[in-house]
N, C-alpha and C. Protein backbone atom coordinates (compact mmCIF):
# COMPACT_ATOMS: atom_id res chain seq x y z
N UNK A 1 -8.00 16.90 33.80
CA UNK A 1 -6.70 17.43 34.23
C UNK A 1 -6.15 18.34 33.14
N UNK A 2 -5.70 19.55 33.49
CA UNK A 2 -5.18 20.48 32.51
C UNK A 2 -3.78 20.12 32.08
N UNK A 3 -3.27 20.90 31.14
CA UNK A 3 -1.92 20.66 30.63
C UNK A 3 -0.95 21.66 31.22
N UNK A 4 0.30 21.25 31.30
CA UNK A 4 1.35 22.17 31.72
C UNK A 4 1.46 23.32 30.72
N UNK A 5 1.27 23.00 29.45
CA UNK A 5 1.31 24.00 28.39
C UNK A 5 0.01 23.95 27.60
N UNK A 6 -0.42 25.11 27.13
CA UNK A 6 -1.62 25.17 26.31
C UNK A 6 -1.32 24.88 24.84
N UNK A 7 -0.06 25.11 24.45
CA UNK A 7 0.32 24.94 23.06
C UNK A 7 1.64 24.19 22.95
N UNK A 8 1.64 23.12 22.17
CA UNK A 8 2.84 22.34 21.88
C UNK A 8 3.21 22.59 20.42
N UNK A 9 4.36 23.22 20.20
CA UNK A 9 4.82 23.52 18.84
C UNK A 9 5.93 22.52 18.49
N UNK A 10 5.70 21.73 17.46
CA UNK A 10 6.63 20.67 17.09
C UNK A 10 7.42 21.03 15.83
N UNK A 11 8.72 20.80 15.88
CA UNK A 11 9.49 20.67 14.65
C UNK A 11 9.00 19.40 13.96
N UNK A 12 9.34 19.23 12.68
CA UNK A 12 8.84 18.04 11.96
C UNK A 12 9.90 16.97 11.79
N UNK A 13 10.84 17.19 10.86
CA UNK A 13 11.86 16.17 10.58
C UNK A 13 12.74 15.93 11.81
N UNK A 14 12.86 14.68 12.22
CA UNK A 14 13.71 14.35 13.35
C UNK A 14 13.02 14.47 14.70
N UNK A 15 11.82 15.04 14.70
CA UNK A 15 11.05 15.19 15.94
C UNK A 15 9.78 14.36 15.87
N UNK A 16 8.95 14.65 14.88
CA UNK A 16 7.75 13.85 14.63
C UNK A 16 8.03 12.70 13.67
N UNK A 17 8.81 13.02 12.63
CA UNK A 17 9.02 12.08 11.53
C UNK A 17 10.43 11.54 11.50
N UNK A 18 10.52 10.23 11.40
CA UNK A 18 11.81 9.56 11.18
C UNK A 18 12.06 9.61 9.67
N UNK A 19 12.57 10.76 9.24
CA UNK A 19 12.71 11.05 7.81
C UNK A 19 14.16 11.20 7.39
N UNK A 20 15.08 10.85 8.29
CA UNK A 20 16.50 11.05 7.99
C UNK A 20 16.94 10.38 6.71
N UNK A 21 16.50 9.14 6.49
CA UNK A 21 16.88 8.41 5.28
C UNK A 21 16.35 9.12 4.04
N UNK A 22 15.12 9.61 4.12
CA UNK A 22 14.51 10.32 3.00
C UNK A 22 15.23 11.64 2.73
N UNK A 23 15.56 12.37 3.78
CA UNK A 23 16.25 13.65 3.63
C UNK A 23 17.63 13.45 3.01
N UNK A 24 18.40 12.50 3.54
CA UNK A 24 19.75 12.26 3.03
C UNK A 24 19.70 11.83 1.57
N UNK A 25 18.80 10.92 1.24
CA UNK A 25 18.69 10.45 -0.14
C UNK A 25 18.27 11.57 -1.09
N UNK A 26 17.42 12.47 -0.62
CA UNK A 26 16.96 13.57 -1.47
C UNK A 26 18.07 14.59 -1.71
N UNK A 27 18.84 14.89 -0.69
CA UNK A 27 19.99 15.79 -0.88
C UNK A 27 21.01 15.16 -1.82
N UNK A 28 21.32 13.89 -1.59
CA UNK A 28 22.31 13.21 -2.43
C UNK A 28 21.86 13.17 -3.88
N UNK A 29 20.58 12.87 -4.09
CA UNK A 29 20.06 12.80 -5.45
C UNK A 29 20.05 14.15 -6.14
N UNK A 30 19.75 15.20 -5.39
CA UNK A 30 19.76 16.55 -5.98
C UNK A 30 21.16 16.96 -6.40
N UNK A 31 22.14 16.69 -5.55
CA UNK A 31 23.53 17.00 -5.91
C UNK A 31 23.93 16.24 -7.17
N UNK A 32 23.56 14.95 -7.23
CA UNK A 32 23.93 14.13 -8.39
C UNK A 32 23.26 14.66 -9.66
N UNK A 33 21.99 15.01 -9.57
CA UNK A 33 21.27 15.53 -10.74
C UNK A 33 21.93 16.79 -11.30
N UNK A 34 22.53 17.56 -10.42
CA UNK A 34 23.12 18.83 -10.82
C UNK A 34 24.62 18.75 -11.05
N UNK A 35 25.13 17.53 -11.14
CA UNK A 35 26.53 17.34 -11.49
C UNK A 35 27.52 17.75 -10.43
N UNK A 36 27.08 17.72 -9.18
CA UNK A 36 27.95 18.12 -8.07
C UNK A 36 28.45 16.88 -7.33
N UNK A 37 29.61 16.97 -6.70
CA UNK A 37 30.18 15.80 -6.03
C UNK A 37 29.35 15.38 -4.82
N UNK A 38 29.38 14.10 -4.49
CA UNK A 38 28.64 13.61 -3.31
C UNK A 38 29.28 14.10 -2.02
N UNK A 39 28.50 14.06 -0.95
CA UNK A 39 29.00 14.44 0.37
C UNK A 39 28.72 13.30 1.34
N UNK A 40 29.45 13.28 2.43
CA UNK A 40 29.21 12.28 3.46
C UNK A 40 27.84 12.52 4.11
N UNK A 41 27.07 11.46 4.36
CA UNK A 41 25.74 11.64 4.95
C UNK A 41 25.74 12.44 6.25
N UNK A 42 26.80 12.29 7.05
CA UNK A 42 26.81 12.99 8.34
C UNK A 42 26.80 14.50 8.15
N UNK A 43 27.32 14.99 7.04
CA UNK A 43 27.30 16.44 6.78
C UNK A 43 25.87 16.93 6.56
N UNK A 44 25.06 16.10 5.94
CA UNK A 44 23.66 16.45 5.74
C UNK A 44 22.92 16.43 7.08
N UNK A 45 23.12 15.37 7.84
CA UNK A 45 22.44 15.22 9.14
C UNK A 45 22.80 16.37 10.07
N UNK A 46 24.06 16.77 10.10
CA UNK A 46 24.50 17.85 10.97
C UNK A 46 23.84 19.17 10.62
N UNK A 47 23.41 19.33 9.38
CA UNK A 47 22.79 20.57 8.93
C UNK A 47 21.29 20.60 9.11
N UNK A 48 20.70 19.48 9.49
CA UNK A 48 19.24 19.43 9.62
C UNK A 48 18.76 20.46 10.63
N UNK A 49 17.67 21.12 10.29
CA UNK A 49 17.15 22.21 11.10
C UNK A 49 17.35 23.56 10.45
N UNK A 50 18.24 23.61 9.46
CA UNK A 50 18.47 24.84 8.71
C UNK A 50 17.62 24.82 7.43
N UNK A 51 17.53 25.97 6.75
CA UNK A 51 16.76 26.03 5.52
C UNK A 51 17.49 25.29 4.40
N UNK A 52 16.75 24.87 3.37
CA UNK A 52 17.36 24.13 2.26
C UNK A 52 18.46 24.92 1.57
N UNK A 53 18.25 26.20 1.22
CA UNK A 53 19.34 26.95 0.58
C UNK A 53 20.59 27.03 1.45
N UNK A 54 20.41 27.20 2.76
CA UNK A 54 21.56 27.26 3.66
C UNK A 54 22.32 25.94 3.66
N UNK A 55 21.59 24.84 3.67
CA UNK A 55 22.25 23.53 3.68
C UNK A 55 23.00 23.30 2.37
N UNK A 56 22.37 23.62 1.26
CA UNK A 56 23.04 23.42 -0.03
C UNK A 56 24.28 24.32 -0.15
N UNK A 57 24.22 25.52 0.40
CA UNK A 57 25.40 26.39 0.36
C UNK A 57 26.55 25.77 1.13
N UNK A 58 26.23 25.15 2.26
CA UNK A 58 27.28 24.50 3.05
C UNK A 58 27.82 23.27 2.32
N UNK A 59 26.93 22.48 1.75
CA UNK A 59 27.35 21.24 1.09
C UNK A 59 28.15 21.48 -0.18
N UNK A 60 27.90 22.62 -0.83
CA UNK A 60 28.57 22.89 -2.11
C UNK A 60 29.72 23.87 -1.98
N UNK A 61 30.00 24.32 -0.77
CA UNK A 61 31.10 25.26 -0.58
C UNK A 61 30.77 26.68 -0.98
N UNK A 62 29.48 27.00 -1.05
CA UNK A 62 29.08 28.38 -1.29
C UNK A 62 29.16 28.85 -2.72
N UNK A 63 28.59 28.08 -3.65
CA UNK A 63 28.54 28.50 -5.05
C UNK A 63 27.74 29.81 -5.15
N UNK A 64 28.27 30.77 -5.88
CA UNK A 64 27.60 32.07 -6.01
C UNK A 64 26.70 32.06 -7.24
N UNK A 65 25.61 31.34 -7.15
CA UNK A 65 24.69 31.21 -8.29
C UNK A 65 23.30 30.90 -7.74
N UNK A 66 22.48 31.94 -7.55
CA UNK A 66 21.16 31.74 -6.96
C UNK A 66 20.28 30.81 -7.79
N UNK A 67 20.40 30.91 -9.12
CA UNK A 67 19.58 30.05 -9.99
C UNK A 67 19.92 28.57 -9.77
N UNK A 68 21.20 28.31 -9.54
CA UNK A 68 21.61 26.92 -9.31
C UNK A 68 21.05 26.40 -7.98
N UNK A 69 21.04 27.26 -6.96
CA UNK A 69 20.45 26.84 -5.68
C UNK A 69 18.96 26.57 -5.84
N UNK A 70 18.30 27.38 -6.65
CA UNK A 70 16.87 27.16 -6.88
C UNK A 70 16.64 25.80 -7.53
N UNK A 71 17.51 25.41 -8.46
CA UNK A 71 17.39 24.09 -9.09
C UNK A 71 17.65 22.98 -8.09
N UNK A 72 18.66 23.18 -7.25
CA UNK A 72 18.97 22.17 -6.23
C UNK A 72 17.79 21.96 -5.29
N UNK A 73 17.18 23.05 -4.85
CA UNK A 73 16.04 22.96 -3.94
C UNK A 73 14.86 22.31 -4.65
N UNK A 74 14.60 22.70 -5.89
CA UNK A 74 13.48 22.11 -6.64
C UNK A 74 13.68 20.61 -6.84
N UNK A 75 14.90 20.21 -7.16
CA UNK A 75 15.18 18.78 -7.34
C UNK A 75 15.06 18.02 -6.02
N UNK A 76 15.53 18.64 -4.93
CA UNK A 76 15.38 18.03 -3.61
C UNK A 76 13.91 17.74 -3.32
N UNK A 77 13.06 18.74 -3.55
CA UNK A 77 11.64 18.57 -3.24
C UNK A 77 10.98 17.53 -4.14
N UNK A 78 11.39 17.48 -5.38
CA UNK A 78 10.87 16.47 -6.30
C UNK A 78 11.23 15.07 -5.82
N UNK A 79 12.49 14.89 -5.43
CA UNK A 79 12.94 13.59 -4.94
C UNK A 79 12.28 13.23 -3.61
N UNK A 80 12.15 14.22 -2.73
CA UNK A 80 11.53 13.96 -1.43
C UNK A 80 10.10 13.47 -1.61
N UNK A 81 9.38 14.11 -2.52
CA UNK A 81 8.00 13.71 -2.78
C UNK A 81 7.93 12.26 -3.26
N UNK A 82 8.88 11.86 -4.09
CA UNK A 82 8.91 10.50 -4.61
C UNK A 82 9.27 9.48 -3.53
N UNK A 83 10.20 9.86 -2.65
CA UNK A 83 10.73 8.92 -1.66
C UNK A 83 9.92 8.86 -0.38
N UNK A 84 9.07 9.86 -0.15
CA UNK A 84 8.33 9.98 1.11
C UNK A 84 7.61 8.70 1.52
N UNK A 85 6.80 8.08 0.65
CA UNK A 85 6.04 6.90 1.10
C UNK A 85 6.92 5.75 1.57
N UNK A 86 8.09 5.61 0.97
CA UNK A 86 8.96 4.47 1.28
C UNK A 86 9.91 4.73 2.45
N UNK A 87 10.34 5.98 2.61
CA UNK A 87 11.46 6.25 3.51
C UNK A 87 11.13 7.16 4.69
N UNK A 88 9.85 7.40 4.98
CA UNK A 88 9.49 8.25 6.12
C UNK A 88 8.42 7.56 6.96
N UNK A 89 8.58 7.62 8.28
CA UNK A 89 7.61 7.04 9.19
C UNK A 89 7.57 7.89 10.46
N UNK A 90 6.50 7.79 11.21
CA UNK A 90 6.42 8.48 12.49
C UNK A 90 7.31 7.77 13.50
N UNK A 91 7.96 8.54 14.37
CA UNK A 91 8.76 7.93 15.43
C UNK A 91 7.85 7.15 16.37
N UNK A 92 8.37 6.10 17.00
CA UNK A 92 7.57 5.31 17.94
C UNK A 92 6.96 6.19 19.03
N UNK A 93 5.68 5.99 19.28
CA UNK A 93 5.00 6.69 20.35
C UNK A 93 4.47 8.07 20.01
N UNK A 94 4.78 8.58 18.81
CA UNK A 94 4.36 9.94 18.46
C UNK A 94 2.84 10.06 18.40
N UNK A 95 2.18 9.13 17.74
CA UNK A 95 0.72 9.22 17.62
C UNK A 95 0.07 9.20 19.00
N UNK A 96 0.52 8.30 19.86
CA UNK A 96 -0.05 8.22 21.21
C UNK A 96 0.19 9.50 21.99
N UNK A 97 1.38 10.07 21.84
CA UNK A 97 1.70 11.31 22.56
C UNK A 97 0.82 12.46 22.08
N UNK A 98 0.63 12.57 20.78
CA UNK A 98 -0.24 13.63 20.24
C UNK A 98 -1.67 13.44 20.69
N UNK A 99 -2.12 12.20 20.72
CA UNK A 99 -3.48 11.91 21.19
C UNK A 99 -3.65 12.32 22.65
N UNK A 100 -2.66 12.01 23.46
CA UNK A 100 -2.73 12.33 24.88
C UNK A 100 -2.73 13.83 25.11
N UNK A 101 -1.85 14.54 24.41
CA UNK A 101 -1.73 15.99 24.58
C UNK A 101 -3.02 16.69 24.16
N UNK A 102 -3.56 16.31 23.01
CA UNK A 102 -4.77 16.98 22.52
C UNK A 102 -6.00 16.59 23.34
N UNK A 103 -6.06 15.35 23.79
CA UNK A 103 -7.17 14.92 24.63
C UNK A 103 -7.18 15.69 25.95
N UNK A 104 -5.98 16.03 26.44
CA UNK A 104 -5.87 16.79 27.69
C UNK A 104 -6.27 18.25 27.51
N UNK A 105 -6.47 18.69 26.26
CA UNK A 105 -6.96 20.04 26.03
C UNK A 105 -5.98 21.01 25.42
N UNK A 106 -4.75 20.57 25.16
CA UNK A 106 -3.76 21.45 24.54
C UNK A 106 -3.91 21.43 23.02
N UNK A 107 -3.34 22.44 22.39
CA UNK A 107 -3.30 22.49 20.93
C UNK A 107 -1.90 22.14 20.46
N UNK A 108 -1.80 21.61 19.24
CA UNK A 108 -0.52 21.28 18.65
C UNK A 108 -0.38 21.98 17.30
N UNK A 109 0.82 22.47 17.02
CA UNK A 109 1.12 23.06 15.73
C UNK A 109 2.49 22.57 15.28
N UNK A 110 2.84 22.88 14.03
CA UNK A 110 4.14 22.52 13.47
C UNK A 110 4.87 23.78 13.04
N UNK A 111 6.16 23.87 13.38
CA UNK A 111 7.05 24.94 12.91
C UNK A 111 8.28 24.26 12.33
N UNK A 112 8.44 24.32 11.03
CA UNK A 112 9.43 23.47 10.36
C UNK A 112 10.20 24.20 9.28
N UNK A 113 11.41 23.76 9.05
CA UNK A 113 12.21 24.28 7.93
C UNK A 113 11.77 23.68 6.60
N UNK A 114 10.82 22.76 6.63
CA UNK A 114 10.24 22.22 5.41
C UNK A 114 9.32 23.26 4.76
N UNK A 115 9.05 23.09 3.49
CA UNK A 115 7.97 23.80 2.83
C UNK A 115 6.66 23.40 3.51
N UNK A 116 5.76 24.37 3.71
CA UNK A 116 4.52 24.10 4.44
C UNK A 116 3.70 22.98 3.80
N UNK A 117 3.56 23.02 2.48
CA UNK A 117 2.79 21.99 1.79
C UNK A 117 3.38 20.61 2.03
N UNK A 118 4.72 20.52 2.00
CA UNK A 118 5.37 19.24 2.25
C UNK A 118 5.10 18.75 3.67
N UNK A 119 5.10 19.67 4.62
CA UNK A 119 4.83 19.29 6.00
C UNK A 119 3.42 18.73 6.14
N UNK A 120 2.45 19.38 5.52
CA UNK A 120 1.06 18.91 5.58
C UNK A 120 0.93 17.54 4.93
N UNK A 121 1.48 17.39 3.73
CA UNK A 121 1.41 16.11 3.02
C UNK A 121 2.10 15.00 3.82
N UNK A 122 3.26 15.32 4.38
CA UNK A 122 4.01 14.33 5.15
C UNK A 122 3.24 13.90 6.39
N UNK A 123 2.66 14.87 7.10
CA UNK A 123 1.90 14.55 8.32
C UNK A 123 0.70 13.67 7.99
N UNK A 124 0.03 13.98 6.89
CA UNK A 124 -1.11 13.15 6.49
C UNK A 124 -0.66 11.73 6.14
N UNK A 125 0.47 11.64 5.45
CA UNK A 125 1.01 10.32 5.10
C UNK A 125 1.29 9.50 6.36
N UNK A 126 1.75 10.16 7.40
CA UNK A 126 2.10 9.47 8.65
C UNK A 126 0.87 9.20 9.52
N UNK A 127 -0.28 9.73 9.13
CA UNK A 127 -1.49 9.51 9.90
C UNK A 127 -1.62 10.39 11.12
N UNK A 128 -0.90 11.52 11.14
CA UNK A 128 -0.96 12.41 12.30
C UNK A 128 -1.43 13.82 11.93
N UNK A 129 -1.83 14.01 10.69
CA UNK A 129 -2.16 15.35 10.22
C UNK A 129 -3.28 16.04 10.97
N UNK A 130 -4.26 15.28 11.42
CA UNK A 130 -5.43 15.89 12.07
C UNK A 130 -5.14 16.43 13.47
N UNK A 131 -3.98 16.12 14.02
CA UNK A 131 -3.67 16.60 15.36
C UNK A 131 -3.22 18.07 15.37
N UNK A 132 -2.89 18.63 14.22
CA UNK A 132 -2.27 19.95 14.19
C UNK A 132 -3.23 21.02 13.69
N UNK A 133 -3.34 22.07 14.49
CA UNK A 133 -4.19 23.20 14.12
C UNK A 133 -3.56 24.04 13.02
N UNK A 134 -2.22 24.10 13.01
CA UNK A 134 -1.53 25.06 12.16
C UNK A 134 -0.17 24.51 11.76
N UNK A 135 0.23 24.80 10.53
CA UNK A 135 1.57 24.45 10.04
C UNK A 135 2.24 25.74 9.55
N UNK A 136 3.45 26.01 10.03
CA UNK A 136 4.24 27.13 9.53
C UNK A 136 5.55 26.58 9.01
N UNK A 137 5.72 26.61 7.69
CA UNK A 137 6.96 26.18 7.07
C UNK A 137 7.82 27.37 6.70
N UNK A 138 9.03 27.09 6.19
CA UNK A 138 9.95 28.20 5.94
C UNK A 138 9.55 29.05 4.74
N UNK A 139 8.57 28.58 3.95
CA UNK A 139 8.08 29.40 2.85
C UNK A 139 7.12 30.49 3.32
N UNK A 140 6.69 30.43 4.56
CA UNK A 140 5.75 31.42 5.10
C UNK A 140 6.42 32.50 5.93
N UNK A 141 7.74 32.42 6.06
CA UNK A 141 8.47 33.43 6.84
C UNK A 141 9.64 33.95 6.03
N UNK A 142 10.08 35.14 6.39
CA UNK A 142 11.26 35.74 5.75
C UNK A 142 12.52 35.29 6.47
N UNK A 143 12.46 35.28 7.80
CA UNK A 143 13.62 34.94 8.61
C UNK A 143 13.48 33.51 9.13
N UNK A 144 14.48 32.70 8.85
CA UNK A 144 14.43 31.27 9.13
C UNK A 144 14.91 30.97 10.55
N UNK A 145 14.72 29.71 10.98
CA UNK A 145 15.28 29.26 12.26
C UNK A 145 16.78 29.56 12.28
N UNK A 146 17.30 30.01 13.42
CA UNK A 146 16.69 30.09 14.75
C UNK A 146 15.96 31.39 15.06
N UNK A 147 15.81 32.29 14.07
CA UNK A 147 14.99 33.49 14.32
C UNK A 147 13.58 33.04 14.69
N UNK A 148 12.92 33.72 15.63
CA UNK A 148 11.61 33.25 16.11
C UNK A 148 10.41 33.66 15.26
N UNK A 149 10.63 34.09 14.01
CA UNK A 149 9.48 34.55 13.22
C UNK A 149 8.40 33.48 13.09
N UNK A 150 8.80 32.21 12.92
CA UNK A 150 7.80 31.13 12.84
C UNK A 150 6.93 31.09 14.09
N UNK A 151 7.56 31.28 15.23
CA UNK A 151 6.83 31.23 16.50
C UNK A 151 6.03 32.50 16.72
N UNK A 152 6.54 33.63 16.27
CA UNK A 152 5.77 34.87 16.35
C UNK A 152 4.45 34.71 15.60
N UNK A 153 4.53 34.14 14.42
CA UNK A 153 3.32 33.93 13.62
C UNK A 153 2.41 32.89 14.26
N UNK A 154 3.00 31.83 14.78
CA UNK A 154 2.21 30.78 15.44
C UNK A 154 1.43 31.33 16.62
N UNK A 155 2.10 32.09 17.47
CA UNK A 155 1.43 32.63 18.66
C UNK A 155 0.39 33.67 18.28
N UNK A 156 0.68 34.46 17.25
CA UNK A 156 -0.29 35.46 16.80
C UNK A 156 -1.57 34.79 16.30
N UNK A 157 -1.42 33.69 15.58
CA UNK A 157 -2.58 33.01 15.00
C UNK A 157 -3.35 32.17 16.01
N UNK A 158 -2.66 31.68 17.04
CA UNK A 158 -3.34 30.88 18.06
C UNK A 158 -3.82 31.72 19.24
N UNK A 159 -3.25 32.90 19.40
CA UNK A 159 -3.63 33.77 20.51
C UNK A 159 -3.13 33.29 21.86
N UNK A 160 -2.08 32.49 21.86
CA UNK A 160 -1.55 31.93 23.10
C UNK A 160 -0.27 32.65 23.49
N UNK A 161 -0.11 32.90 24.78
CA UNK A 161 1.05 33.61 25.31
C UNK A 161 2.29 32.71 25.29
N UNK A 162 3.48 33.30 25.05
CA UNK A 162 4.70 32.48 25.06
C UNK A 162 4.89 31.67 26.34
N UNK A 163 4.46 32.20 27.47
CA UNK A 163 4.63 31.50 28.74
C UNK A 163 3.80 30.23 28.82
N UNK A 164 2.78 30.13 27.97
CA UNK A 164 1.90 28.96 27.98
C UNK A 164 2.18 28.00 26.82
N UNK A 165 3.30 28.23 26.13
CA UNK A 165 3.64 27.41 24.97
C UNK A 165 5.02 26.79 25.13
N UNK A 166 5.24 25.68 24.44
CA UNK A 166 6.54 25.01 24.49
C UNK A 166 6.94 24.60 23.08
N UNK A 167 8.23 24.80 22.76
CA UNK A 167 8.79 24.40 21.47
C UNK A 167 9.50 23.07 21.64
N UNK A 168 9.20 22.12 20.75
CA UNK A 168 9.76 20.77 20.85
C UNK A 168 10.54 20.47 19.58
N UNK A 169 11.82 20.11 19.72
CA UNK A 169 12.61 19.83 18.53
C UNK A 169 13.84 19.00 18.81
N UNK A 170 14.46 18.55 17.72
CA UNK A 170 15.63 17.68 17.81
C UNK A 170 16.93 18.38 17.47
N UNK A 171 16.86 19.68 17.16
CA UNK A 171 18.05 20.42 16.73
C UNK A 171 18.26 21.66 17.59
N UNK A 172 19.52 22.07 17.67
CA UNK A 172 19.85 23.26 18.46
C UNK A 172 19.11 24.49 17.95
N UNK A 173 18.85 24.55 16.64
CA UNK A 173 18.12 25.70 16.10
C UNK A 173 16.69 25.77 16.63
N UNK A 174 16.07 24.62 16.88
CA UNK A 174 14.72 24.61 17.46
C UNK A 174 14.74 25.19 18.87
N UNK A 175 15.74 24.79 19.64
CA UNK A 175 15.85 25.25 21.02
C UNK A 175 16.15 26.75 21.05
N UNK A 176 17.04 27.18 20.19
CA UNK A 176 17.38 28.61 20.13
C UNK A 176 16.17 29.44 19.71
N UNK A 177 15.40 28.94 18.77
CA UNK A 177 14.20 29.65 18.31
C UNK A 177 13.20 29.81 19.44
N UNK A 178 12.95 28.72 20.17
CA UNK A 178 12.02 28.79 21.28
C UNK A 178 12.48 29.76 22.36
N UNK A 179 13.76 29.70 22.69
CA UNK A 179 14.30 30.60 23.72
C UNK A 179 14.19 32.05 23.29
N UNK A 180 14.43 32.32 22.00
CA UNK A 180 14.34 33.69 21.50
C UNK A 180 12.92 34.23 21.58
N UNK A 181 11.94 33.33 21.58
CA UNK A 181 10.54 33.72 21.68
C UNK A 181 10.08 33.81 23.12
N UNK A 182 10.95 33.45 24.07
CA UNK A 182 10.56 33.46 25.47
C UNK A 182 9.73 32.26 25.87
N UNK A 183 9.85 31.18 25.11
CA UNK A 183 9.10 29.95 25.39
C UNK A 183 9.99 28.92 26.07
N UNK A 184 9.37 28.03 26.83
CA UNK A 184 10.08 26.84 27.29
C UNK A 184 10.36 25.95 26.08
N UNK A 185 11.34 25.07 26.24
CA UNK A 185 11.73 24.20 25.13
C UNK A 185 11.93 22.77 25.62
N UNK A 186 11.62 21.82 24.74
CA UNK A 186 11.87 20.41 25.00
C UNK A 186 12.75 19.88 23.88
N UNK A 187 13.94 19.42 24.22
CA UNK A 187 14.84 18.80 23.25
C UNK A 187 14.59 17.30 23.24
N UNK A 188 14.47 16.73 22.04
CA UNK A 188 14.28 15.28 21.91
C UNK A 188 15.56 14.66 21.39
N UNK A 189 15.94 13.53 21.96
CA UNK A 189 17.26 12.96 21.67
C UNK A 189 17.25 11.92 20.55
N UNK A 190 16.09 11.70 19.92
CA UNK A 190 16.02 10.66 18.90
C UNK A 190 16.20 11.20 17.48
N UNK A 191 16.57 12.48 17.34
CA UNK A 191 16.69 13.08 16.02
C UNK A 191 18.11 13.33 15.58
N UNK A 192 18.32 14.48 14.94
CA UNK A 192 19.59 14.76 14.25
C UNK A 192 20.75 15.07 15.18
N UNK A 193 20.50 15.86 16.23
CA UNK A 193 21.61 16.36 17.03
C UNK A 193 21.87 15.49 18.25
N UNK A 194 23.12 15.44 18.65
CA UNK A 194 23.53 14.63 19.80
C UNK A 194 23.04 15.26 21.10
N UNK A 195 23.05 14.46 22.15
CA UNK A 195 22.67 14.97 23.47
C UNK A 195 23.58 16.13 23.87
N UNK A 196 24.86 16.03 23.54
CA UNK A 196 25.81 17.09 23.88
C UNK A 196 25.45 18.39 23.18
N UNK A 197 25.11 18.30 21.90
CA UNK A 197 24.71 19.50 21.16
C UNK A 197 23.43 20.10 21.73
N UNK A 198 22.51 19.25 22.10
CA UNK A 198 21.24 19.73 22.64
C UNK A 198 21.44 20.37 24.01
N UNK A 199 22.23 19.75 24.86
CA UNK A 199 22.48 20.33 26.18
C UNK A 199 23.14 21.70 26.05
N UNK A 200 24.05 21.82 25.10
CA UNK A 200 24.74 23.10 24.90
C UNK A 200 23.77 24.20 24.49
N UNK A 201 22.65 23.82 23.87
CA UNK A 201 21.66 24.80 23.44
C UNK A 201 20.80 25.30 24.60
N UNK A 202 20.84 24.60 25.74
CA UNK A 202 20.14 25.06 26.94
C UNK A 202 18.64 24.86 26.96
N UNK A 203 18.13 23.67 26.60
CA UNK A 203 16.68 23.45 26.63
C UNK A 203 16.14 23.43 28.05
N UNK A 204 14.85 23.69 28.18
CA UNK A 204 14.20 23.60 29.49
C UNK A 204 14.12 22.15 29.95
N UNK A 205 13.83 21.27 29.02
CA UNK A 205 13.71 19.84 29.30
C UNK A 205 14.39 19.05 28.18
N UNK A 206 14.83 17.84 28.50
CA UNK A 206 15.33 16.89 27.50
C UNK A 206 14.60 15.57 27.71
N UNK A 207 14.10 14.98 26.62
CA UNK A 207 13.42 13.69 26.74
C UNK A 207 14.02 12.70 25.75
N UNK A 208 13.94 11.42 26.11
CA UNK A 208 14.53 10.35 25.31
C UNK A 208 13.52 9.53 24.53
N UNK A 209 12.23 9.74 24.79
CA UNK A 209 11.20 9.02 24.04
C UNK A 209 9.93 9.86 24.01
N UNK A 210 9.11 9.63 22.98
CA UNK A 210 7.86 10.38 22.85
C UNK A 210 6.94 10.12 24.04
N UNK A 211 7.04 8.95 24.63
CA UNK A 211 6.18 8.61 25.76
C UNK A 211 6.37 9.58 26.93
N UNK A 212 7.55 10.20 27.00
CA UNK A 212 7.82 11.13 28.10
C UNK A 212 7.03 12.43 27.99
N UNK A 213 6.44 12.69 26.84
CA UNK A 213 5.64 13.91 26.71
C UNK A 213 4.45 13.93 27.66
N UNK A 214 4.07 12.75 28.18
CA UNK A 214 2.95 12.70 29.12
C UNK A 214 3.25 13.51 30.37
N UNK A 215 4.53 13.76 30.65
CA UNK A 215 4.90 14.57 31.82
C UNK A 215 4.38 15.99 31.71
N UNK A 216 4.09 16.43 30.50
CA UNK A 216 3.68 17.81 30.28
C UNK A 216 2.21 17.92 29.91
N UNK A 217 1.47 16.82 30.08
CA UNK A 217 0.05 16.81 29.71
C UNK A 217 -0.82 16.45 30.92
């Protein structure tokens, strides 16, 4: 039996990986290391899906110091690497869903605001790395989500038409990126953004569990 889509493009944090605790702790630790005041965790969660510099600019009130942002990002990545084994896990049903989709003949890739190397390392840690043909992180593009550059590159490298691909994510930026590329989109409700935020973004489909991905395989 064929698949509804030939290509499934997944966001990482909040979609494949239950990494919210790791992300929040890494942001908090980076701010502390750099002598900046703490922020409420919900402010970090609400920003998920954006690039690290964009999030730090929001959390710090827009400090005009590029070197300081570079230190904040470097410290975040250092902390994330340390905390990853303890504070990140695959969401329930993700492995089974990826197995089903790939067994049915579709390809899977990752398009994430994470650094590409971090995405690869994280996926391997979660035991799902072998399911993905390609990883595109924000270090490989100039224009970040919701601009569709990640998807432009993904489709160019896979040779698959936008009409045969679907973008899957937990944030409004994922849905906007997919729509800008002319792709169908699947919003997942187990990540960062609320159902209301996701509905407002206008996804093609909304699902409440990874097991529902079988509808598209």
